Amino acid sequence: MEEPYKDGHNGAATVDPEDLHRYLREAAELGMIAAVHCNGDAACRTLVEKSEAVARETGRPQDVVMVHAQFLDRGLMPRMKAVGMVPSFFVSHSWYWGDLYVDLFGRERADRMSPCRSAMDEGMTITIHQDTPVLDPWPMDSVFCAVNRSTEGGDVRNPGERIGVMDALRAMTVNSASQYGEEGIGEIAEGFRADLIVLDRNPLEYDPSDLREVRVLETLKNGKTVYRA
């Protein structure tokens, strides 16, 4: 963290910045996507700085995904966009740890978590994920968290960072496919792979506070049913 936790600690980097630079450079030269775990704002800044440096050195956009981007500062977002970086937010933090964050960081910083709306307002394509096995796979839970930003204790982590249901659904599907170079999946369109789910209700017409109740009735992979409730 740029500023310490309330107990005085800043956390720690698990990768040396110069090693990170080398890894990013190697990934860029091999044409690989680099997905880098960043929670604290200092970690996010370091990844952006090293990606910018590699972009200058190689003269090419950076296929870098900032995973979690928990405390990504809005001031970094235009710089990320300029070099081709994209954020993938672990939005479920709001429900599962949102109350704890106030104790760890104070209310103002806790409200900065998972700045999905800010990123979209900056013209960035975002994705959301659940970080399994930290949480079990449950896509509608991620949609619920991104749309509501409510905590388990009944508080809300900055309603201004909420996104719409369709925004959240796209973040879990077509945006995620694009983020990992798998265009041609993720939405219902002619010529796209027939990976589909059938839901028991329309989440776009459902109370956002009840999105967790949406159930999958059927799952199709390449046009063939692989699950039926």
Protein backbone atom coordinates (compact mmCIF):
# COMPACT_ATOMS: atom_id res chain seq x y z
CA MET A 1 0.00 0.00 0.00
CA GLU A 2 1.11 3.59 -0.66
CA GLU A 3 -0.18 4.50 2.82
CA PRO A 4 0.06 2.01 5.68
CA TYR A 5 -2.76 -0.13 6.97
CA LYS A 6 -4.25 1.36 10.14
CA ASP A 7 -1.89 -0.86 12.16
CA GLY A 8 1.13 0.79 10.52
CA HIS A 9 2.15 -1.92 8.06
CA ASN A 10 2.35 -1.35 4.29
CA GLY A 11 2.14 -4.96 3.20
CA ALA A 12 4.85 -6.43 0.99
CA ALA A 13 5.64 -7.14 -2.64
CA THR A 14 6.04 -10.83 -3.44
CA VAL A 15 7.93 -10.11 -6.67
CA ASP A 16 10.93 -7.80 -6.88
CA PRO A 17 10.17 -4.87 -9.23
CA GLU A 18 13.20 -5.59 -11.39
CA ASP A 19 12.19 -9.25 -11.71
CA LEU A 20 8.71 -8.06 -12.66
CA HIS A 21 10.23 -5.88 -15.38
CA ARG A 22 12.12 -8.88 -16.74
CA TYR A 23 9.06 -11.14 -16.68
CA LEU A 24 6.96 -8.53 -18.51
CA ARG A 25 9.69 -8.03 -21.10
CA GLU A 26 9.96 -11.79 -21.69
CA ALA A 27 6.19 -12.14 -22.01
CA ALA A 28 6.03 -9.26 -24.49
CA GLU A 29 8.82 -10.72 -26.61
CA LEU A 30 7.10 -14.12 -26.64
CA GLY A 31 3.70 -12.60 -27.50
CA MET A 32 2.20 -13.90 -24.25
CA ILE A 33 -0.47 -12.41 -22.02
CA ALA A 34 0.86 -11.51 -18.57
CA ALA A 35 -1.70 -11.71 -15.75
CA VAL A 36 -0.31 -10.06 -12.63
CA HIS A 37 -1.89 -10.14 -9.16
CA CYS A 38 -2.09 -6.62 -7.66
CA ASN A 39 -4.11 -5.65 -4.60
CA GLY A 40 -2.48 -2.60 -3.03
CA ASP A 41 -2.28 0.75 -4.78
CA ALA A 42 1.53 0.67 -4.63
CA ALA A 43 1.51 -2.72 -6.36
CA CYS A 44 -0.83 -1.38 -9.04
CA ARG A 45 1.43 1.63 -9.62
CA THR A 46 4.52 -0.56 -9.89
CA LEU A 47 2.89 -2.80 -12.50
CA VAL A 48 1.83 0.22 -14.57
CA GLU A 49 5.32 1.77 -14.39
CA LYS A 50 7.03 -1.47 -15.43
CA SER A 51 4.53 -2.07 -18.24
CA GLU A 52 5.14 1.46 -19.53
CA ALA A 53 8.89 0.83 -19.44
CA VAL A 54 8.52 -2.41 -21.43
CA ALA A 55 6.23 -0.66 -23.91
CA ARG A 56 8.91 1.96 -24.51
CA GLU A 57 11.62 -0.69 -24.87
CA THR A 58 9.69 -2.95 -27.24
CA GLY A 59 7.60 -0.35 -29.06
CA ARG A 60 4.49 -2.48 -28.77
CA PRO A 61 1.26 -2.53 -26.70
CA GLN A 62 1.34 -4.56 -23.51
CA ASP A 63 -0.90 -7.61 -23.17
CA VAL A 64 -1.03 -7.21 -19.39
CA VAL A 65 -4.00 -8.01 -17.16
CA MET A 66 -4.01 -6.43 -13.70
CA VAL A 67 -5.68 -9.15 -11.64
CA HIS A 68 -7.81 -7.94 -8.68
CA ALA A 69 -6.83 -4.25 -9.11
CA GLN A 70 -8.34 -3.84 -5.66
CA PHE A 71 -7.05 -0.34 -4.94
CA LEU A 72 -6.30 0.81 -8.48
CA ASP A 73 -6.05 4.61 -8.45
CA ARG A 74 -8.09 6.37 -11.12
CA GLY A 75 -5.08 8.45 -12.09
CA LEU A 76 -3.36 5.30 -13.33
CA MET A 77 -6.22 4.26 -15.60
CA PRO A 78 -5.39 6.51 -18.60
CA ARG A 79 -1.79 5.30 -18.41
CA MET A 80 -2.95 1.69 -18.41
CA LYS A 81 -5.21 2.30 -21.37
CA ALA A 82 -2.41 4.03 -23.28
CA VAL A 83 -0.18 0.93 -23.19
CA GLY A 84 -2.94 -1.67 -23.64
CA MET A 85 -3.31 -2.89 -20.06
CA VAL A 86 -6.71 -4.04 -18.74
CA PRO A 87 -8.07 -4.57 -15.19
CA SER A 88 -9.91 -7.63 -13.91
CA PHE A 89 -11.65 -6.80 -10.64
CA PHE A 90 -12.32 -9.19 -7.75
CA VAL A 91 -15.62 -7.46 -6.99
CA SER A 92 -16.74 -9.98 -4.37
CA HIS A 93 -14.43 -8.26 -1.86
CA SER A 94 -17.27 -5.81 -1.20
CA TRP A 95 -19.56 -8.47 0.31
CA TYR A 96 -17.10 -10.88 1.89
CA TRP A 97 -14.48 -8.45 3.24
CA GLY A 98 -16.03 -5.00 2.76
CA ASP A 99 -16.73 -4.47 6.46
CA LEU A 100 -13.24 -5.66 7.44
CA TYR A 101 -11.69 -3.16 5.01
CA VAL A 102 -13.00 -0.27 7.10
CA ASP A 103 -11.10 -1.65 10.10
CA LEU A 104 -7.96 -2.20 8.01
CA PHE A 105 -7.88 1.01 5.95
CA GLY A 106 -10.57 3.41 7.15
CA ARG A 107 -13.83 4.22 5.40
CA GLU A 108 -12.46 6.50 2.68
CA ARG A 109 -9.94 3.99 1.39
CA ALA A 110 -12.30 1.05 1.85
CA ASP A 111 -14.76 2.79 -0.47
CA ARG A 112 -12.12 2.88 -3.22
CA MET A 113 -12.07 -0.90 -3.64
CA SER A 114 -12.87 -2.40 -7.05
CA PRO A 115 -13.37 0.90 -8.94
CA CYS A 116 -15.36 -0.63 -11.79
CA ARG A 117 -17.42 2.44 -12.71
CA SER A 118 -14.36 4.70 -12.72
CA ALA A 119 -12.57 2.32 -15.08
CA MET A 120 -15.56 2.18 -17.43
CA ASP A 121 -15.87 5.98 -17.31
CA GLU A 122 -12.22 6.13 -18.39
CA GLY A 123 -13.15 4.06 -21.45
CA MET A 124 -11.54 0.85 -20.22
CA THR A 125 -12.89 -2.63 -20.93
CA ILE A 126 -13.16 -4.38 -17.58
CA THR A 127 -13.69 -7.94 -16.45
CA ILE A 128 -14.71 -9.40 -13.10
CA HIS A 129 -13.72 -12.72 -11.54
CA GLN A 130 -14.03 -14.75 -8.32
CA ASP A 131 -10.49 -15.96 -7.62
CA THR A 132 -11.42 -19.59 -7.12
CA PRO A 133 -10.52 -21.41 -4.86
CA VAL A 134 -10.70 -18.36 -2.56
CA LEU A 135 -14.43 -18.41 -3.36
CA ASP A 136 -16.39 -21.15 -5.08
CA PRO A 137 -17.31 -20.52 -8.74
CA TRP A 138 -20.58 -18.56 -8.66
CA PRO A 139 -20.82 -16.03 -11.49
CA MET A 140 -24.14 -14.53 -10.37
CA ASP A 141 -22.55 -13.77 -7.01
CA SER A 142 -19.95 -11.66 -8.83
CA VAL A 143 -22.71 -9.92 -10.77
CA PHE A 144 -24.56 -9.27 -7.49
CA CYS A 145 -21.42 -7.78 -5.90
CA ALA A 146 -20.53 -5.57 -8.87
CA VAL A 147 -24.08 -4.23 -9.14
CA ASN A 148 -24.80 -3.70 -5.43
CA ARG A 149 -21.40 -3.24 -3.71
CA SER A 150 -23.12 -4.09 -0.43
CA THR A 151 -21.29 -5.69 2.48
CA GLU A 152 -22.35 -8.69 4.54
CA GLY A 153 -23.00 -6.29 7.40
CA GLY A 154 -25.48 -4.23 5.35
CA ASP A 155 -23.17 -1.32 4.48
CA VAL A 156 -22.35 -0.16 0.91
CA ARG A 157 -18.86 0.43 -0.43
CA ASN A 158 -19.26 3.63 -2.49
CA PRO A 159 -22.46 3.33 -4.59
CA GLY A 160 -20.83 5.59 -7.19
CA GLU A 161 -18.68 2.62 -8.28
CA ARG A 162 -21.68 0.39 -8.99
CA ILE A 163 -22.17 -0.88 -12.54
CA GLY A 164 -25.32 -2.09 -14.31
CA VAL A 165 -26.42 -5.70 -14.62
CA MET A 166 -25.63 -5.82 -18.34
CA ASP A 167 -22.22 -4.25 -17.69
CA ALA A 168 -21.50 -6.99 -15.14
CA LEU A 169 -22.73 -9.76 -17.43
CA ARG A 170 -20.55 -8.52 -20.26
CA ALA A 171 -17.59 -8.28 -17.88
CA MET A 172 -18.03 -11.98 -17.09
CA THR A 173 -18.52 -13.10 -20.70
CA VAL A 174 -17.54 -11.28 -23.89
CA ASN A 175 -15.08 -8.94 -22.15
CA SER A 176 -13.37 -11.85 -20.43
CA ALA A 177 -13.07 -13.74 -23.71
CA SER A 178 -11.53 -10.72 -25.41
CA GLN A 179 -9.16 -10.13 -22.50
CA TYR A 180 -7.61 -13.55 -23.05
CA GLY A 181 -7.52 -13.41 -26.84
CA GLU A 182 -10.56 -15.64 -27.36
CA GLU A 183 -12.69 -13.45 -29.60
CA GLY A 184 -15.63 -15.34 -31.05
CA ILE A 185 -17.04 -16.49 -27.73
CA GLY A 186 -18.75 -14.77 -24.85
CA GLU A 187 -21.91 -13.45 -26.53
CA ILE A 188 -24.79 -14.72 -28.62
CA ALA A 189 -23.94 -13.81 -32.20
CA GLU A 190 -23.70 -15.47 -35.60
CA GLY A 191 -20.38 -17.23 -36.06
CA PHE A 192 -19.63 -17.37 -32.32
CA ARG A 193 -19.04 -20.65 -30.49
CA ALA A 194 -22.26 -22.04 -29.00
CA ASP A 195 -21.22 -21.97 -25.34
CA LEU A 196 -24.44 -20.95 -23.62
CA ILE A 197 -26.35 -21.07 -20.37
CA VAL A 198 -30.13 -20.94 -19.88
CA LEU A 199 -31.26 -19.08 -16.75
CA ASP A 200 -34.52 -19.47 -14.86
CA ARG A 201 -35.28 -15.75 -15.09
CA ASN A 202 -34.08 -12.60 -16.84
CA PRO A 203 -31.45 -10.93 -14.60
CA LEU A 204 -32.00 -7.64 -16.45
CA GLU A 205 -35.59 -7.53 -15.17
CA TYR A 206 -34.92 -8.86 -11.68
CA ASP A 207 -34.38 -6.96 -8.42
CA PRO A 208 -30.60 -6.37 -8.22
CA SER A 209 -30.61 -7.25 -4.52
CA ASP A 210 -31.90 -10.74 -5.41
CA LEU A 211 -29.50 -11.58 -8.24
CA ARG A 212 -28.01 -14.44 -6.23
CA GLU A 213 -31.33 -16.28 -6.61
CA VAL A 214 -30.90 -16.62 -10.40
CA ARG A 215 -30.31 -20.29 -11.26
CA VAL A 216 -28.81 -22.05 -14.26
CA LEU A 217 -31.25 -24.45 -15.90
CA GLU A 218 -29.00 -25.70 -18.67
CA THR A 219 -25.41 -25.38 -19.87
CA LEU A 220 -24.34 -25.96 -23.48
CA LYS A 221 -20.76 -26.41 -24.68
CA ASN A 222 -20.15 -26.22 -28.43
CA GLY A 223 -23.90 -26.50 -28.89
CA LYS A 224 -24.28 -29.69 -26.84
CA THR A 225 -25.98 -29.89 -23.45
CA VAL A 226 -23.48 -30.76 -20.71
CA TYR A 227 -25.69 -29.89 -17.71
CA ARG A 228 -29.41 -29.76 -17.09
CA ALA A 229 -30.99 -28.90 -13.75
